[in-house]
């Protein structure tokens, strides 16, 4: 069967994830984690990619990114291909490292974006005594527990929450035990998350060419 087409348009937000082939590790040491983050930084400069949050686990990763130039395919090809090439060169291996092509969930902004940020930052919760101690996530940077990379956009989420001047509220938001319907939805890995109108406009119904929205392209 042909692969499903992805929807892209200027300013789209995506939850992007992938895991290792056969659930094997893709990050074995600090060098692997640093390499992936360096490629994120380069893609920020090269493709105008905006990264709002991330979490790198040993055998998979989660990214929340925005594409002002509707170029998700270029961003992820750059990151994935260069990571595999450099990983294989360093280890002497060859062939595929990831299970398949990355999965990208199109996400509506506002409350859905906020819940995705929370989902990503809670990913290592069973691995550490406190989330701020997991250094391969953007969460420590969000709460001031580590230096924030220049390419990480924290402002968008904190402003949506109204917590830019009260990080303790953000900590409580992330670390509370409640689970919303949206949070549950990510576990089922839908292809698009948002309101009915958002789903209709962004690809689950014919596009009205006269509608006052950004053009949509499927890839």
N, C-alpha and C. Protein backbone atom coordinates (compact mmCIF):
# COMPACT_ATOMS: atom_id res chain seq x y z
N UNK A 1 0.84 -1.20 0.00
CA UNK A 1 0.00 0.00 0.00
C UNK A 1 0.87 1.25 0.00
N UNK A 2 0.45 2.29 -0.72
CA UNK A 2 1.24 3.53 -0.70
C UNK A 2 1.21 4.17 0.66
N UNK A 3 2.27 4.88 0.98
CA UNK A 3 2.32 5.57 2.26
C UNK A 3 1.30 6.70 2.30
N UNK A 4 0.68 6.94 3.46
CA UNK A 4 -0.26 8.05 3.55
C UNK A 4 0.44 9.39 3.34
N UNK A 5 -0.25 10.30 2.68
CA UNK A 5 0.33 11.61 2.43
C UNK A 5 0.30 12.46 3.68
N UNK A 6 1.32 13.29 3.83
CA UNK A 6 1.38 14.20 4.95
C UNK A 6 0.91 15.58 4.51
N UNK A 7 0.26 16.28 5.41
CA UNK A 7 -0.22 17.63 5.13
C UNK A 7 0.81 18.63 5.59
N UNK A 8 1.13 19.58 4.76
CA UNK A 8 2.06 20.63 5.17
C UNK A 8 1.57 21.97 4.65
N UNK A 9 1.81 23.00 5.44
CA UNK A 9 1.45 24.36 5.07
C UNK A 9 2.27 25.31 5.94
N UNK A 10 2.46 26.55 5.55
CA UNK A 10 3.27 27.48 6.33
C UNK A 10 2.69 27.67 7.73
N UNK A 11 3.54 27.50 8.73
CA UNK A 11 3.13 27.70 10.11
C UNK A 11 2.52 26.48 10.77
N UNK A 12 2.60 25.32 10.15
CA UNK A 12 2.03 24.11 10.74
C UNK A 12 2.87 23.64 11.93
N UNK A 13 2.18 23.06 12.91
CA UNK A 13 2.82 22.48 14.09
C UNK A 13 2.71 20.96 14.01
N UNK A 14 3.80 20.27 14.35
CA UNK A 14 3.82 18.82 14.28
C UNK A 14 4.42 18.20 15.54
N UNK A 15 3.86 17.07 15.92
CA UNK A 15 4.49 16.18 16.87
C UNK A 15 5.18 15.12 16.03
N UNK A 16 6.51 15.14 16.01
CA UNK A 16 7.30 14.22 15.20
C UNK A 16 7.98 13.22 16.11
N UNK A 17 7.94 11.96 15.71
CA UNK A 17 8.57 10.93 16.54
C UNK A 17 9.08 9.80 15.65
N UNK A 18 10.04 9.07 16.17
CA UNK A 18 10.51 7.86 15.51
C UNK A 18 11.22 7.02 16.57
N UNK A 19 11.36 5.74 16.28
CA UNK A 19 12.05 4.85 17.20
C UNK A 19 13.03 3.97 16.44
N UNK A 20 13.90 3.33 17.18
CA UNK A 20 14.90 2.48 16.58
C UNK A 20 14.30 1.23 15.95
N UNK A 21 14.99 0.71 14.97
CA UNK A 21 14.58 -0.54 14.32
C UNK A 21 14.54 -1.66 15.36
N UNK A 22 13.46 -2.43 15.36
CA UNK A 22 13.26 -3.52 16.33
C UNK A 22 13.33 -3.02 17.78
N UNK A 23 12.96 -1.74 17.97
CA UNK A 23 12.96 -1.10 19.27
C UNK A 23 14.36 -1.06 19.90
N UNK A 24 15.38 -1.13 19.06
CA UNK A 24 16.76 -1.05 19.54
C UNK A 24 17.12 0.40 19.83
N UNK A 25 18.15 0.59 20.65
CA UNK A 25 18.58 1.94 21.00
C UNK A 25 19.12 2.68 19.78
N UNK A 26 18.82 3.97 19.73
CA UNK A 26 19.42 4.84 18.72
C UNK A 26 20.40 5.82 19.36
N UNK A 27 20.26 6.00 20.66
CA UNK A 27 21.19 6.85 21.42
C UNK A 27 21.88 5.96 22.46
N UNK A 28 23.17 5.75 22.27
CA UNK A 28 23.92 4.85 23.15
C UNK A 28 24.77 5.58 24.18
N UNK A 29 25.12 6.82 23.88
CA UNK A 29 25.99 7.57 24.78
C UNK A 29 25.74 9.06 24.58
N UNK A 30 26.44 9.87 25.35
CA UNK A 30 26.26 11.32 25.27
C UNK A 30 26.54 11.87 23.88
N UNK A 31 27.50 11.27 23.18
CA UNK A 31 27.85 11.75 21.85
C UNK A 31 26.67 11.62 20.89
N UNK A 32 25.92 10.54 21.01
CA UNK A 32 24.76 10.34 20.15
C UNK A 32 23.69 11.40 20.43
N UNK A 33 23.42 11.64 21.70
CA UNK A 33 22.43 12.65 22.07
C UNK A 33 22.87 14.04 21.58
N UNK A 34 24.14 14.36 21.80
CA UNK A 34 24.65 15.67 21.38
C UNK A 34 24.59 15.83 19.86
N UNK A 35 24.90 14.77 19.14
CA UNK A 35 24.85 14.82 17.68
C UNK A 35 23.44 15.16 17.21
N UNK A 36 22.44 14.51 17.76
CA UNK A 36 21.06 14.76 17.35
C UNK A 36 20.66 16.21 17.65
N UNK A 37 21.06 16.70 18.81
CA UNK A 37 20.73 18.09 19.17
C UNK A 37 21.47 19.08 18.28
N UNK A 38 22.69 18.76 17.90
CA UNK A 38 23.42 19.62 16.97
C UNK A 38 22.72 19.70 15.62
N UNK A 39 22.16 18.58 15.17
CA UNK A 39 21.45 18.56 13.90
C UNK A 39 20.14 19.35 13.99
N UNK A 40 19.51 19.31 15.14
CA UNK A 40 18.34 20.16 15.37
C UNK A 40 18.74 21.63 15.24
N UNK A 41 19.85 21.98 15.86
CA UNK A 41 20.33 23.36 15.80
C UNK A 41 20.62 23.77 14.35
N UNK A 42 21.27 22.89 13.61
CA UNK A 42 21.59 23.20 12.21
C UNK A 42 20.32 23.34 11.38
N UNK A 43 19.32 22.50 11.64
CA UNK A 43 18.07 22.59 10.87
C UNK A 43 17.31 23.86 11.19
N UNK A 44 17.47 24.34 12.42
CA UNK A 44 16.87 25.62 12.80
C UNK A 44 17.44 26.75 11.94
N UNK A 45 18.75 26.72 11.73
CA UNK A 45 19.39 27.76 10.93
C UNK A 45 19.18 27.57 9.43
N UNK A 46 19.23 26.33 9.00
CA UNK A 46 19.20 26.02 7.57
C UNK A 46 17.79 26.07 6.97
N UNK A 47 16.80 25.64 7.76
CA UNK A 47 15.44 25.50 7.23
C UNK A 47 14.40 26.32 7.98
N UNK A 48 14.85 27.21 8.87
CA UNK A 48 13.93 28.06 9.61
C UNK A 48 12.96 27.23 10.46
N UNK A 49 13.41 26.08 10.93
CA UNK A 49 12.57 25.22 11.78
C UNK A 49 12.52 25.80 13.19
N UNK A 50 11.33 25.81 13.77
CA UNK A 50 11.14 26.31 15.13
C UNK A 50 10.81 25.14 16.03
N UNK A 51 11.67 24.88 17.02
CA UNK A 51 11.46 23.75 17.92
C UNK A 51 10.93 24.27 19.26
N UNK A 52 9.76 23.75 19.64
CA UNK A 52 9.09 24.21 20.86
C UNK A 52 9.35 23.29 22.04
N UNK A 53 9.60 22.04 21.81
CA UNK A 53 9.99 21.12 22.89
C UNK A 53 10.52 19.84 22.27
N UNK A 54 11.24 19.07 23.08
CA UNK A 54 11.80 17.81 22.60
C UNK A 54 12.07 16.89 23.77
N UNK A 55 12.16 15.61 23.47
CA UNK A 55 12.63 14.64 24.46
C UNK A 55 13.27 13.50 23.68
N UNK A 56 14.53 13.22 24.00
CA UNK A 56 15.27 12.13 23.37
C UNK A 56 15.39 11.00 24.38
N UNK A 57 14.82 9.86 24.06
CA UNK A 57 14.93 8.68 24.90
C UNK A 57 15.92 7.72 24.24
N UNK A 58 16.29 6.66 24.91
CA UNK A 58 17.33 5.79 24.37
C UNK A 58 16.96 5.19 23.02
N UNK A 59 15.69 4.80 22.85
CA UNK A 59 15.32 4.13 21.60
C UNK A 59 14.27 4.89 20.79
N UNK A 60 13.97 6.12 21.15
CA UNK A 60 13.03 6.91 20.36
C UNK A 60 13.17 8.39 20.71
N UNK A 61 12.50 9.24 19.94
CA UNK A 61 12.52 10.67 20.23
C UNK A 61 11.16 11.28 19.96
N UNK A 62 10.92 12.44 20.58
CA UNK A 62 9.73 13.25 20.35
C UNK A 62 10.17 14.68 20.09
N UNK A 63 9.60 15.30 19.08
CA UNK A 63 9.86 16.70 18.77
C UNK A 63 8.53 17.42 18.58
N UNK A 64 8.45 18.64 19.07
CA UNK A 64 7.32 19.52 18.76
C UNK A 64 7.91 20.68 17.97
N UNK A 65 7.59 20.74 16.69
CA UNK A 65 8.20 21.76 15.87
C UNK A 65 7.17 22.45 14.98
N UNK A 66 7.54 23.66 14.58
CA UNK A 66 6.72 24.52 13.74
C UNK A 66 7.48 24.76 12.44
N UNK A 67 6.75 24.82 11.32
CA UNK A 67 7.39 24.96 10.02
C UNK A 67 6.87 26.20 9.29
N UNK A 68 7.45 27.36 9.53
CA UNK A 68 7.03 28.58 8.84
C UNK A 68 7.11 28.46 7.32
N UNK A 69 8.01 27.62 6.82
CA UNK A 69 8.22 27.50 5.37
C UNK A 69 7.61 26.23 4.79
N UNK A 70 6.75 25.56 5.53
CA UNK A 70 6.07 24.34 5.04
C UNK A 70 7.05 23.30 4.50
N UNK A 71 8.13 23.07 5.25
CA UNK A 71 9.20 22.21 4.75
C UNK A 71 9.58 21.10 5.73
N UNK A 72 8.58 20.50 6.36
CA UNK A 72 8.87 19.43 7.33
C UNK A 72 9.71 18.33 6.70
N UNK A 73 9.41 17.97 5.46
CA UNK A 73 10.13 16.88 4.80
C UNK A 73 11.63 17.18 4.69
N UNK A 74 11.98 18.43 4.41
CA UNK A 74 13.39 18.79 4.30
C UNK A 74 14.06 18.79 5.68
N UNK A 75 13.35 19.29 6.67
CA UNK A 75 13.90 19.34 8.03
C UNK A 75 14.22 17.93 8.53
N UNK A 76 13.24 17.04 8.42
CA UNK A 76 13.42 15.71 8.98
C UNK A 76 14.36 14.85 8.14
N UNK A 77 14.38 15.08 6.84
CA UNK A 77 15.37 14.36 6.02
C UNK A 77 16.78 14.76 6.42
N UNK A 78 16.97 16.06 6.64
CA UNK A 78 18.29 16.55 7.04
C UNK A 78 18.73 15.94 8.37
N UNK A 79 17.84 15.99 9.36
CA UNK A 79 18.18 15.47 10.69
C UNK A 79 18.41 13.96 10.64
N UNK A 80 17.46 13.23 10.08
CA UNK A 80 17.52 11.76 10.10
C UNK A 80 18.69 11.22 9.29
N UNK A 81 18.83 11.71 8.07
CA UNK A 81 19.88 11.15 7.20
C UNK A 81 21.27 11.47 7.74
N UNK A 82 21.47 12.68 8.21
CA UNK A 82 22.79 13.03 8.73
C UNK A 82 23.09 12.30 10.03
N UNK A 83 22.08 12.09 10.85
CA UNK A 83 22.31 11.33 12.08
C UNK A 83 22.73 9.90 11.76
N UNK A 84 22.03 9.25 10.83
CA UNK A 84 22.35 7.87 10.48
C UNK A 84 23.74 7.78 9.85
N UNK A 85 24.06 8.69 8.94
CA UNK A 85 25.37 8.67 8.28
C UNK A 85 26.49 8.81 9.31
N UNK A 86 26.36 9.79 10.20
CA UNK A 86 27.42 10.03 11.18
C UNK A 86 27.46 8.94 12.24
N UNK A 87 26.31 8.42 12.61
CA UNK A 87 26.26 7.31 13.57
C UNK A 87 26.95 6.07 12.98
N UNK A 88 26.62 5.74 11.74
CA UNK A 88 27.22 4.56 11.11
C UNK A 88 28.71 4.74 10.89
N UNK A 89 29.12 5.95 10.54
CA UNK A 89 30.56 6.20 10.34
C UNK A 89 31.32 6.01 11.65
N UNK A 90 30.75 6.48 12.74
CA UNK A 90 31.43 6.37 14.03
C UNK A 90 31.45 4.94 14.57
N UNK A 91 30.40 4.18 14.29
CA UNK A 91 30.29 2.83 14.84
C UNK A 91 30.77 1.74 13.89
N UNK A 92 30.98 2.09 12.62
CA UNK A 92 31.38 1.10 11.64
C UNK A 92 30.24 0.24 11.15
N UNK A 93 29.00 0.65 11.45
CA UNK A 93 27.84 -0.10 11.00
C UNK A 93 27.31 0.48 9.69
N UNK A 94 26.31 -0.17 9.12
CA UNK A 94 25.66 0.38 7.94
C UNK A 94 24.19 -0.01 7.96
N UNK A 95 23.44 0.54 7.03
CA UNK A 95 22.03 0.22 6.96
C UNK A 95 21.16 1.14 7.78
N UNK A 96 19.89 0.79 7.87
CA UNK A 96 18.91 1.62 8.55
C UNK A 96 19.07 1.58 10.06
N UNK A 97 18.81 2.70 10.69
CA UNK A 97 18.87 2.79 12.14
C UNK A 97 17.47 2.90 12.73
N UNK A 98 16.58 3.57 12.01
CA UNK A 98 15.23 3.79 12.49
C UNK A 98 14.27 2.72 11.99
N UNK A 99 13.16 2.56 12.71
CA UNK A 99 12.15 1.56 12.37
C UNK A 99 11.57 1.81 10.99
N UNK A 100 11.27 3.05 10.68
CA UNK A 100 10.61 3.41 9.44
C UNK A 100 10.79 4.91 9.27
N UNK A 101 10.08 5.51 8.34
CA UNK A 101 10.12 6.96 8.27
C UNK A 101 9.44 7.52 9.52
N UNK A 102 9.77 8.73 9.85
CA UNK A 102 9.22 9.36 11.05
C UNK A 102 7.70 9.50 10.97
N UNK A 103 7.04 9.51 12.12
CA UNK A 103 5.61 9.79 12.19
C UNK A 103 5.44 11.25 12.55
N UNK A 104 4.54 11.93 11.86
CA UNK A 104 4.29 13.35 12.11
C UNK A 104 2.80 13.56 12.33
N UNK A 105 2.42 14.01 13.50
CA UNK A 105 1.04 14.31 13.82
C UNK A 105 0.83 15.81 13.69
N UNK A 106 -0.07 16.20 12.82
CA UNK A 106 -0.41 17.61 12.66
C UNK A 106 -1.24 18.06 13.86
N UNK A 107 -0.85 19.17 14.48
CA UNK A 107 -1.46 19.58 15.75
C UNK A 107 -1.99 21.01 15.65
N UNK A 108 -3.21 21.20 16.12
CA UNK A 108 -3.76 22.55 16.23
C UNK A 108 -3.11 23.25 17.41
N UNK A 109 -2.91 24.54 17.25
CA UNK A 109 -2.25 25.33 18.29
C UNK A 109 -3.14 25.48 19.52
N UNK A 110 -2.72 26.31 20.45
CA UNK A 110 -3.47 26.62 21.68
C UNK A 110 -3.53 25.41 22.61
N UNK A 111 -4.69 24.96 23.02
CA UNK A 111 -4.79 23.93 24.05
C UNK A 111 -4.15 22.62 23.61
N UNK A 112 -4.24 22.30 22.32
CA UNK A 112 -3.65 21.04 21.85
C UNK A 112 -2.13 21.11 21.87
N UNK A 113 -1.60 22.27 21.52
CA UNK A 113 -0.15 22.47 21.57
C UNK A 113 0.34 22.37 23.01
N UNK A 114 -0.40 22.93 23.93
CA UNK A 114 -0.02 22.89 25.34
C UNK A 114 0.02 21.46 25.87
N UNK A 115 -1.00 20.68 25.53
CA UNK A 115 -1.05 19.30 26.00
C UNK A 115 0.05 18.45 25.39
N UNK A 116 0.42 18.73 24.15
CA UNK A 116 1.52 18.01 23.52
C UNK A 116 2.83 18.33 24.21
N UNK A 117 3.04 19.59 24.53
CA UNK A 117 4.23 19.99 25.28
C UNK A 117 4.32 19.21 26.58
N UNK A 118 3.21 19.08 27.25
CA UNK A 118 3.16 18.32 28.52
C UNK A 118 3.47 16.85 28.29
N UNK A 119 2.87 16.27 27.27
CA UNK A 119 3.09 14.86 26.95
C UNK A 119 4.57 14.58 26.70
N UNK A 120 5.21 15.42 25.90
CA UNK A 120 6.62 15.23 25.58
C UNK A 120 7.48 15.34 26.82
N UNK A 121 7.23 16.34 27.64
CA UNK A 121 8.06 16.55 28.82
C UNK A 121 7.85 15.50 29.90
N UNK A 122 6.73 14.79 29.87
CA UNK A 122 6.48 13.74 30.85
C UNK A 122 7.00 12.38 30.39
N UNK A 123 7.56 12.30 29.19
CA UNK A 123 7.97 11.01 28.64
C UNK A 123 8.92 10.21 29.54
N UNK A 124 9.91 10.84 30.18
CA UNK A 124 10.85 10.05 30.99
C UNK A 124 10.41 9.86 32.45
N UNK A 125 9.14 10.07 32.75
CA UNK A 125 8.71 10.17 34.15
C UNK A 125 9.00 8.90 34.96
N UNK A 126 9.03 7.74 34.31
CA UNK A 126 9.28 6.49 35.03
C UNK A 126 10.77 6.17 35.13
N UNK A 127 11.60 7.04 34.56
CA UNK A 127 13.04 6.77 34.52
C UNK A 127 13.84 7.58 35.53
N UNK A 128 13.26 8.66 36.02
CA UNK A 128 14.00 9.56 36.90
C UNK A 128 13.18 9.88 38.14
N UNK A 129 13.87 10.30 39.20
CA UNK A 129 13.15 10.65 40.42
C UNK A 129 12.39 11.95 40.26
N UNK A 130 12.91 12.86 39.43
CA UNK A 130 12.21 14.11 39.11
C UNK A 130 12.53 14.48 37.68
N UNK A 131 11.56 15.00 36.97
CA UNK A 131 11.72 15.26 35.53
C UNK A 131 12.83 16.25 35.22
N UNK A 132 13.09 17.16 36.13
CA UNK A 132 14.12 18.17 35.84
C UNK A 132 15.51 17.55 35.77
N UNK A 133 15.67 16.31 36.24
CA UNK A 133 16.97 15.65 36.20
C UNK A 133 17.21 14.90 34.90
N UNK A 134 16.21 14.86 34.02
CA UNK A 134 16.43 14.20 32.73
C UNK A 134 16.95 15.24 31.75
N UNK A 135 18.22 15.15 31.43
CA UNK A 135 18.88 16.24 30.70
C UNK A 135 18.68 16.20 29.19
N UNK A 136 18.09 15.13 28.64
CA UNK A 136 17.90 15.06 27.20
C UNK A 136 16.48 15.44 26.81
N UNK A 137 15.92 16.33 27.58
CA UNK A 137 14.59 16.88 27.35
C UNK A 137 14.70 18.40 27.46
N UNK A 138 13.75 19.09 26.84
CA UNK A 138 13.73 20.55 26.95
C UNK A 138 13.12 21.03 28.26
N UNK A 139 12.58 20.11 29.05
CA UNK A 139 11.93 20.51 30.30
C UNK A 139 12.87 21.26 31.26
N UNK A 140 14.08 20.78 31.53
CA UNK A 140 14.97 21.53 32.42
C UNK A 140 15.20 22.97 31.94
N UNK A 141 15.29 23.16 30.62
CA UNK A 141 15.48 24.52 30.08
C UNK A 141 14.23 25.36 30.30
N UNK A 142 13.07 24.76 30.21
CA UNK A 142 11.81 25.49 30.42
C UNK A 142 11.73 26.06 31.83
N UNK A 143 12.20 25.30 32.80
CA UNK A 143 12.03 25.73 34.20
C UNK A 143 13.29 26.37 34.78
N UNK A 144 14.29 26.62 33.93
CA UNK A 144 15.50 27.30 34.38
C UNK A 144 16.49 26.41 35.10
N UNK A 145 16.32 25.08 34.98
CA UNK A 145 17.24 24.16 35.64
C UNK A 145 18.47 23.87 34.79
N UNK A 146 18.45 24.30 33.53
CA UNK A 146 19.61 24.16 32.65
C UNK A 146 19.60 25.30 31.65
N UNK A 147 20.72 25.49 30.98
CA UNK A 147 20.80 26.54 29.97
C UNK A 147 19.89 26.21 28.79
N UNK A 148 19.21 27.20 28.28
CA UNK A 148 18.28 26.98 27.17
C UNK A 148 19.00 27.13 25.84
N UNK A 149 18.89 26.16 24.93
CA UNK A 149 19.51 26.30 23.60
C UNK A 149 18.92 27.50 22.86
N UNK A 150 19.71 28.11 22.02
CA UNK A 150 19.26 29.29 21.29
C UNK A 150 18.10 28.97 20.35
N UNK A 151 18.00 27.72 19.92
CA UNK A 151 16.98 27.33 18.95
C UNK A 151 15.67 26.88 19.61
N UNK A 152 15.62 26.82 20.93
CA UNK A 152 14.42 26.35 21.63
C UNK A 152 13.48 27.52 21.88
N UNK A 153 12.25 27.42 21.40
CA UNK A 153 11.25 28.46 21.59
C UNK A 153 10.33 28.08 22.75
N UNK A 154 10.61 28.60 23.93
CA UNK A 154 9.78 28.34 25.12
C UNK A 154 8.64 29.34 25.23
N UNK A 155 8.84 30.48 24.63
CA UNK A 155 7.93 31.61 24.83
C UNK A 155 6.50 31.29 24.41
N UNK A 156 6.36 30.60 23.29
CA UNK A 156 5.02 30.32 22.73
C UNK A 156 4.16 29.56 23.74
N UNK A 157 4.69 28.47 24.27
CA UNK A 157 3.92 27.65 25.20
C UNK A 157 3.66 28.37 26.51
N UNK A 158 4.67 29.01 27.05
CA UNK A 158 4.51 29.70 28.33
C UNK A 158 3.51 30.85 28.23
N UNK A 159 3.49 31.54 27.08
CA UNK A 159 2.52 32.61 26.88
C UNK A 159 1.10 32.05 26.74
N UNK A 160 0.96 30.94 26.03
CA UNK A 160 -0.36 30.33 25.89
C UNK A 160 -0.92 29.93 27.26
N UNK A 161 -0.05 29.48 28.13
CA UNK A 161 -0.45 29.09 29.48
C UNK A 161 -0.60 30.29 30.41
N UNK A 162 0.07 31.39 30.06
CA UNK A 162 0.10 32.55 30.95
C UNK A 162 1.07 32.38 32.09
N UNK A 163 2.10 31.55 31.88
CA UNK A 163 3.04 31.22 32.96
C UNK A 163 4.43 31.78 32.73
N UNK A 164 4.59 32.71 31.78
CA UNK A 164 5.95 33.17 31.47
C UNK A 164 6.62 33.85 32.66
N UNK A 165 5.82 34.37 33.60
CA UNK A 165 6.38 35.02 34.79
C UNK A 165 6.16 34.21 36.06
N UNK A 166 5.73 32.96 35.89
CA UNK A 166 5.48 32.10 37.06
C UNK A 166 5.78 30.66 36.67
N UNK A 167 7.07 30.31 36.67
CA UNK A 167 7.47 28.98 36.23
C UNK A 167 7.03 27.89 37.19
N UNK A 168 6.74 28.24 38.43
CA UNK A 168 6.26 27.24 39.38
C UNK A 168 4.92 26.68 38.92
N UNK A 169 4.09 27.52 38.33
CA UNK A 169 2.80 27.05 37.79
C UNK A 169 3.04 26.10 36.62
N UNK A 170 4.07 26.39 35.83
CA UNK A 170 4.38 25.49 34.72
C UNK A 170 4.85 24.14 35.26
N UNK A 171 5.66 24.15 36.29
CA UNK A 171 6.11 22.91 36.91
C UNK A 171 4.90 22.10 37.39
N UNK A 172 3.97 22.75 38.04
CA UNK A 172 2.78 22.05 38.53
C UNK A 172 1.95 21.51 37.37
N UNK A 173 1.88 22.26 36.29
CA UNK A 173 1.12 21.82 35.12
C UNK A 173 1.73 20.55 34.53
N UNK A 174 3.04 20.51 34.42
CA UNK A 174 3.72 19.35 33.83
C UNK A 174 3.69 18.15 34.77
N UNK A 175 3.91 18.38 36.04
CA UNK A 175 4.14 17.27 36.96
C UNK A 175 2.88 16.78 37.68
N UNK A 176 1.74 17.41 37.45
CA UNK A 176 0.50 16.90 38.04
C UNK A 176 0.14 15.57 37.37
N UNK A 177 -0.59 14.74 38.09
CA UNK A 177 -0.86 13.38 37.63
C UNK A 177 -2.08 13.25 36.72
N UNK A 178 -2.81 14.33 36.52
CA UNK A 178 -4.03 14.22 35.72
C UNK A 178 -3.71 13.92 34.26
N UNK A 179 -4.64 13.28 33.59
CA UNK A 179 -4.52 13.00 32.16
C UNK A 179 -5.78 13.49 31.46
N UNK A 180 -5.62 14.33 30.46
CA UNK A 180 -6.76 14.86 29.73
C UNK A 180 -7.10 13.94 28.56
N UNK A 181 -8.22 14.23 27.90
CA UNK A 181 -8.60 13.45 26.73
C UNK A 181 -7.57 13.62 25.61
N UNK A 182 -7.02 14.82 25.51
CA UNK A 182 -6.01 15.07 24.47
C UNK A 182 -4.77 14.25 24.76
N UNK A 183 -4.36 14.21 26.01
CA UNK A 183 -3.19 13.43 26.41
C UNK A 183 -3.39 11.97 26.08
N UNK A 184 -4.56 11.43 26.36
CA UNK A 184 -4.87 10.06 26.02
C UNK A 184 -4.79 9.85 24.51
N UNK A 185 -5.20 10.89 23.76
CA UNK A 185 -5.21 10.77 22.31
C UNK A 185 -3.85 10.51 21.72
N UNK A 186 -2.80 11.08 22.29
CA UNK A 186 -1.47 10.88 21.74
C UNK A 186 -1.04 9.42 21.83
N UNK A 187 -1.56 8.70 22.83
CA UNK A 187 -1.19 7.30 22.96
C UNK A 187 -1.74 6.47 21.81
N UNK A 188 -2.80 6.95 21.17
CA UNK A 188 -3.39 6.23 20.05
C UNK A 188 -2.81 6.69 18.71
N UNK A 189 -1.92 7.65 18.77
CA UNK A 189 -1.18 8.12 17.60
C UNK A 189 -2.06 8.45 16.39
N UNK A 190 -2.95 9.42 16.53
CA UNK A 190 -3.74 9.86 15.37
C UNK A 190 -2.86 10.63 14.40
N UNK A 191 -3.38 10.90 13.21
CA UNK A 191 -2.59 11.64 12.23
C UNK A 191 -2.80 13.15 12.34
N UNK A 192 -3.86 13.56 13.03
CA UNK A 192 -4.14 14.98 13.19
C UNK A 192 -4.90 15.18 14.49
N UNK A 193 -4.54 16.20 15.25
CA UNK A 193 -5.20 16.49 16.52
C UNK A 193 -5.65 17.95 16.51
N UNK A 194 -6.94 18.13 16.78
CA UNK A 194 -7.47 19.48 16.81
C UNK A 194 -8.98 19.45 16.82
N UNK A 195 -9.57 20.62 16.69
CA UNK A 195 -11.03 20.74 16.66
C UNK A 195 -11.57 20.14 15.37
N UNK A 196 -12.90 19.96 15.32
CA UNK A 196 -13.53 19.43 14.11
C UNK A 196 -13.27 20.34 12.92
N UNK A 197 -13.32 21.65 13.16
CA UNK A 197 -13.09 22.60 12.07
C UNK A 197 -11.65 22.51 11.57
N UNK A 198 -10.71 22.38 12.50
CA UNK A 198 -9.30 22.26 12.12
C UNK A 198 -9.09 21.01 11.27
N UNK A 199 -9.65 19.89 11.69
CA UNK A 199 -9.51 18.65 10.93
C UNK A 199 -10.14 18.78 9.54
N UNK A 200 -11.26 19.47 9.48
CA UNK A 200 -11.94 19.65 8.20
C UNK A 200 -11.10 20.47 7.24
N UNK A 201 -10.56 21.56 7.75
CA UNK A 201 -9.77 22.47 6.90
C UNK A 201 -8.44 21.86 6.52
N UNK A 202 -7.83 21.14 7.48
CA UNK A 202 -6.45 20.72 7.29
C UNK A 202 -6.27 19.33 6.71
N UNK A 203 -7.32 18.74 6.14
CA UNK A 203 -7.04 17.54 5.38
C UNK A 203 -8.01 16.41 5.49
N UNK A 204 -8.98 16.46 6.40
CA UNK A 204 -9.92 15.37 6.52
C UNK A 204 -11.20 15.63 5.74
N UNK A 205 -11.23 16.70 4.97
CA UNK A 205 -12.35 17.02 4.10
C UNK A 205 -11.80 17.83 2.94
N UNK A 206 -12.50 17.91 1.81
CA UNK A 206 -12.00 18.70 0.67
C UNK A 206 -11.72 20.14 1.07
N UNK A 207 -10.63 20.66 0.57
CA UNK A 207 -10.24 22.01 0.89
C UNK A 207 -11.03 23.01 0.04
N UNK A 208 -11.58 24.02 0.69
CA UNK A 208 -12.26 25.09 -0.02
C UNK A 208 -11.21 26.09 -0.50
N UNK A 209 -11.01 26.22 -1.81
CA UNK A 209 -9.92 27.10 -2.30
C UNK A 209 -10.17 28.57 -1.99
N UNK A 210 -11.41 28.92 -1.62
CA UNK A 210 -11.70 30.32 -1.31
C UNK A 210 -11.57 30.62 0.18
N UNK A 211 -11.30 29.58 0.98
CA UNK A 211 -11.21 29.78 2.42
C UNK A 211 -9.98 30.62 2.74
N UNK A 212 -10.07 31.54 3.70
CA UNK A 212 -8.95 32.44 4.05
C UNK A 212 -7.94 31.74 4.96
N UNK A 213 -7.27 30.72 4.45
CA UNK A 213 -6.26 30.01 5.22
C UNK A 213 -5.02 29.85 4.37
N UNK A 214 -3.94 29.40 4.97
CA UNK A 214 -2.73 29.14 4.21
C UNK A 214 -2.94 27.94 3.29
N UNK A 215 -2.27 27.91 2.17
CA UNK A 215 -2.42 26.76 1.27
C UNK A 215 -1.90 25.48 1.92
N UNK A 216 -2.53 24.37 1.60
CA UNK A 216 -2.16 23.07 2.14
C UNK A 216 -1.54 22.23 1.04
N UNK A 217 -0.45 21.62 1.33
CA UNK A 217 0.19 20.72 0.38
C UNK A 217 0.35 19.37 1.04
N UNK A 218 0.08 18.30 0.31
CA UNK A 218 0.28 16.97 0.84
C UNK A 218 1.55 16.40 0.25
N UNK A 219 2.33 15.72 1.10
CA UNK A 219 3.61 15.18 0.66
C UNK A 219 3.69 13.71 1.00
